[in-house]
Protein backbone atom coordinates (compact mmCIF):
# COMPACT_ATOMS: atom_id res chain seq x y z
CA MET A 1 19.47 161.35 14.32
CA PRO A 2 21.77 162.73 11.63
CA PRO A 3 23.40 166.13 11.93
CA CYS A 4 21.38 169.09 10.69
CA PRO A 5 23.61 171.32 8.52
CA ALA A 6 22.60 174.98 8.79
CA PRO A 7 24.32 178.33 9.02
CA ALA A 8 23.06 178.63 12.60
CA GLY A 9 21.96 176.15 15.20
CA ALA A 10 23.27 172.86 16.54
CA GLY A 11 26.13 171.21 14.63
CA PRO A 12 27.18 167.58 14.55
CA HIS A 13 28.48 167.41 18.09
CA ALA A 14 24.98 167.05 19.59
CA ALA A 15 24.02 164.41 17.07
CA HIS A 16 27.15 162.40 17.78
CA ALA A 17 26.59 162.56 21.50
CA ALA A 18 23.24 161.01 20.92
CA HIS A 19 24.93 158.09 19.21
CA ALA A 20 28.39 158.24 21.12
CA ALA A 21 38.39 174.74 19.36
CA ARG A 22 46.16 181.20 13.06
CA ALA A 23 46.91 180.48 9.81
CA LEU A 24 49.21 177.49 9.61
CA GLU A 25 50.88 175.61 6.79
CA LEU A 26 50.94 171.88 6.21
CA ARG A 27 52.32 169.49 3.58
CA ILE A 28 50.78 169.95 0.15
CA ASP A 29 51.07 167.16 -2.40
CA VAL A 30 47.53 166.03 -3.27
CA ASP A 31 45.68 167.24 -6.30
CA LEU A 32 42.85 165.53 -8.19
CA ALA A 33 42.13 165.95 -11.87
CA PRO A 34 38.89 167.92 -12.53
CA ALA A 35 37.62 165.12 -14.78
CA ASP A 36 37.98 162.59 -11.98
CA ILE A 37 36.08 164.83 -9.56
CA GLU A 38 33.28 165.41 -12.05
CA ARG A 39 33.03 161.67 -12.72
CA GLU A 40 32.74 160.82 -9.02
CA LEU A 41 30.18 163.58 -8.37
CA GLY A 42 28.13 162.45 -11.33
CA ALA A 43 28.04 158.87 -10.03
CA LEU A 44 27.03 160.07 -6.57
CA HIS A 45 24.25 162.23 -7.99
CA ASP A 46 22.93 159.24 -9.97
CA ARG A 47 22.76 157.27 -6.72
CA ILE A 48 20.99 160.14 -4.94
CA GLY A 49 18.25 159.99 -7.58
CA ARG A 50 17.96 156.19 -7.57
CA PRO A 51 15.12 154.79 -5.42
CA GLY A 52 16.36 152.11 -3.08
CA ASP A 53 19.92 153.43 -2.89
CA ARG A 54 21.09 154.41 0.59
CA LEU A 55 21.82 157.89 -0.78
CA HIS A 56 18.25 158.34 -1.99
CA ALA A 57 15.75 160.44 -0.05
CA MET A 58 18.26 161.90 2.39
CA PRO A 59 17.06 164.78 4.61
CA SER A 60 17.66 168.17 3.01
CA LEU A 61 17.93 171.83 3.92
CA PRO A 62 18.53 175.05 1.93
CA ALA A 63 22.25 175.68 1.62
CA GLY A 64 21.95 179.46 2.10
CA ALA A 65 22.68 180.12 -1.58
CA PRO A 66 20.14 180.34 -4.43
CA GLY A 67 19.45 177.04 -6.15
CA LEU A 68 21.52 174.92 -3.73
CA ARG A 69 20.42 172.51 -1.04
CA LEU A 70 22.22 170.32 1.48
CA LEU A 71 21.68 166.60 1.74
CA TYR A 72 23.08 164.80 4.73
CA ARG A 73 23.38 161.49 6.50
CA GLU A 74 25.20 159.96 9.44
CA ALA A 75 26.61 156.45 9.46
CA ASP A 76 28.75 154.90 12.17
CA GLY A 77 29.59 158.25 13.64
CA GLU A 78 30.65 159.75 10.30
CA TYR A 79 28.85 162.74 8.77
CA TYR A 80 28.25 163.09 5.02
CA VAL A 81 27.10 166.46 3.71
CA TYR A 82 26.35 166.82 0.00
CA VAL A 83 25.70 170.12 -1.80
CA GLU A 84 23.27 169.72 -4.71
CA ASP A 85 22.66 172.28 -7.40
CA VAL A 86 18.92 171.85 -7.85
CA MET A 87 18.69 174.15 -10.87
CA GLN A 88 21.52 172.43 -12.76
CA ARG A 89 20.48 168.99 -11.51
CA ARG A 90 24.01 168.05 -10.46
CA LEU A 91 26.08 167.55 -7.39
CA ALA A 92 28.32 170.54 -6.63
CA GLY A 93 30.40 168.64 -4.08
CA TYR A 94 30.51 167.08 -0.67
CA THR A 95 32.33 166.92 2.67
CA VAL A 96 32.72 163.78 4.75
CA PHE A 97 33.66 164.13 8.42
CA ASN A 98 35.48 160.89 8.97
CA ARG A 99 36.37 159.07 12.16
CA LEU A 100 40.06 158.45 12.55
CA ILE A 101 41.25 154.93 13.25
CA GLU A 102 44.54 156.48 14.34
CA VAL A 103 43.11 158.10 17.47
CA GLY A 104 42.21 156.35 20.73
CA ARG A 105 38.81 155.77 22.25
CA ARG A 106 38.87 158.91 24.41
CA ALA A 107 39.49 161.21 21.45
CA ASP A 108 37.19 159.46 18.96
CA PRO A 109 33.91 161.13 19.98
CA TRP A 110 35.31 164.65 19.73
CA VAL A 111 37.43 164.88 16.59
CA ARG A 112 36.87 164.14 12.90
CA ALA A 113 38.98 164.39 9.74
CA PRO A 114 37.09 166.28 6.96
CA HIS A 115 37.58 165.37 3.33
CA THR A 116 36.03 167.57 0.64
CA LYS A 117 35.56 167.49 -3.13
CA PHE A 118 33.85 170.17 -5.16
CA ALA A 119 33.50 170.45 -8.93
CA PRO A 120 35.66 173.25 -10.41
CA ALA A 121 32.63 175.44 -11.12
CA TYR A 122 31.74 175.48 -7.41
CA GLN A 123 35.19 176.01 -5.97
CA ARG A 124 36.22 179.35 -4.41
CA ARG A 125 32.64 180.13 -3.54
CA GLY A 126 32.95 179.48 0.18
CA LEU A 127 30.89 176.31 0.19
CA ALA A 128 33.48 174.03 1.76
CA THR A 129 34.37 176.74 4.28
CA ALA A 130 30.70 177.00 5.27
CA LEU A 131 30.51 173.27 5.89
CA TYR A 132 33.68 173.24 7.99
CA ARG A 133 32.41 176.19 10.02
CA TRP A 134 29.12 174.43 10.60
CA ALA A 135 31.01 171.49 12.10
CA LEU A 136 33.33 173.66 14.16
CA ASP A 137 30.54 175.89 15.41
CA GLY A 138 28.66 172.74 16.51
CA GLY A 139 31.60 171.81 18.78
CA LEU A 140 33.32 169.21 16.61
CA SER A 141 37.10 169.57 16.43
CA LEU A 142 38.81 168.85 13.11
CA LEU A 143 42.10 167.11 12.40
CA SER A 144 43.82 167.33 9.04
CA GLY A 145 44.90 164.34 7.04
CA ALA A 146 48.55 163.46 6.38
CA ARG A 147 48.37 165.17 3.00
CA GLN A 148 46.48 168.21 1.77
CA SER A 149 45.66 169.73 -1.61
CA ALA A 150 46.55 173.40 -2.13
CA GLY A 151 42.87 174.29 -1.87
CA ALA A 152 42.43 172.36 1.38
CA ASN A 153 45.54 173.98 2.79
CA ALA A 154 44.23 177.44 2.01
CA LEU A 155 40.90 176.58 3.62
CA TRP A 156 42.62 175.44 6.85
CA GLN A 157 44.76 178.55 6.96
CA ALA A 158 41.68 180.75 6.69
CA LEU A 159 39.85 178.84 9.41
CA GLY A 160 42.94 179.01 11.64
CA SER A 161 42.45 182.75 11.97
CA ASP A 162 38.98 182.28 13.54
CA TYR A 163 39.36 179.10 15.57
CA ALA A 164 41.94 177.91 18.05
CA ALA A 165 44.52 175.97 16.02
CA GLY A 166 47.84 174.27 16.28
CA TYR A 167 49.92 171.23 15.48
CA VAL A 168 49.73 167.77 17.05
CA ASP A 169 51.73 164.61 16.71
CA LEU A 170 49.53 161.53 16.11
CA ARG A 171 51.00 158.09 16.58
CA HIS A 172 50.26 154.96 18.65
CA LYS A 173 46.65 156.11 19.16
CA THR A 174 47.94 159.14 21.04
CA LEU A 175 47.70 162.89 20.34
CA THR A 176 50.59 165.03 21.51
CA TRP A 177 50.31 168.81 21.44
CA LEU A 178 53.23 170.42 19.53
CA GLY A 179 52.24 174.07 19.77
CA GLU A 180 50.71 176.77 17.60
CA THR A 181 53.87 176.90 15.48
CA VAL A 182 56.53 174.34 14.75
CA SER A 183 59.69 174.10 12.70
CA ALA A 184 59.52 173.21 9.04
CA GLY A 185 61.05 169.80 9.79
CA VAL A 186 58.42 168.93 12.38
CA ARG A 187 55.65 170.36 10.20
CA ASP A 188 56.65 168.09 7.33
CA GLY A 189 56.76 164.97 9.49
CA LEU A 190 54.30 162.24 8.51
CA HIS A 191 52.86 162.12 12.05
CA THR A 192 52.24 165.91 12.22
CA ARG A 193 48.65 167.06 11.82
CA MET A 194 46.81 170.37 12.14
CA LEU A 195 44.12 170.64 14.77
CA LEU A 196 41.20 173.08 14.76
CA LEU A 197 39.29 173.23 18.04
CA GLY A 198 35.51 173.37 17.81
CA GLN A 199 33.46 176.18 19.34
CA GLY A 200 33.37 176.00 23.13
CA TRP A 201 36.64 174.08 23.53
CA THR A 202 39.73 175.35 25.28
CA LEU A 203 43.02 173.60 24.66
CA GLN A 204 43.18 172.37 28.28
CA ALA A 205 39.62 171.04 28.16
CA PHE A 206 40.33 169.21 24.92
CA MET A 207 43.50 167.70 26.43
CA ASP A 208 41.62 166.57 29.53
CA ARG A 209 38.74 165.06 27.59
CA THR A 210 40.75 163.30 24.86
CA GLY A 211 43.91 162.31 26.77
CA MET A 212 46.10 164.47 24.54
CA TYR A 213 49.46 165.23 26.17
């Protein structure tokens, strides 16, 4: 059963179990051209409207904003949430909560790496933040990628004030806790990631469950 995105209620953790918790800075060097984002979203929306495509006829829910709805699917433990502007007949953007091949088997069920793209007209409207909060409130912990755009970095900083957060070192399939703050040199290391703990997790519980040191 795929996750059911909604402002309240169960998040993706329960769905994943059926099939298998401070503002911080991180490296910023990724930015995508608006035209490239629009092109990708247009292609995805075409697929959503194409009978027979795996993106067609996905379950949907209101997005909590007028004229928007959420479309979602789960595949191989990864969660795809699309925000469609029904009135404008276009895709506003999407978030994918990816599995990480870099983590070991113990951590895999409990942590995902979110990747988000929104068209310029839909940025700074809190849509991506709402999707991240849905995942975190459902008990899924989030791990940043090795690189972040300025917008993604700002989003993580904002969430870090509401959820337990810190830095980890990720290498050799092992997570190592570095603390809530680290030096600039450590922060800029390629193996350093930011961790947001999902609702209900304590740091010790997460370490015990995932094998993080």
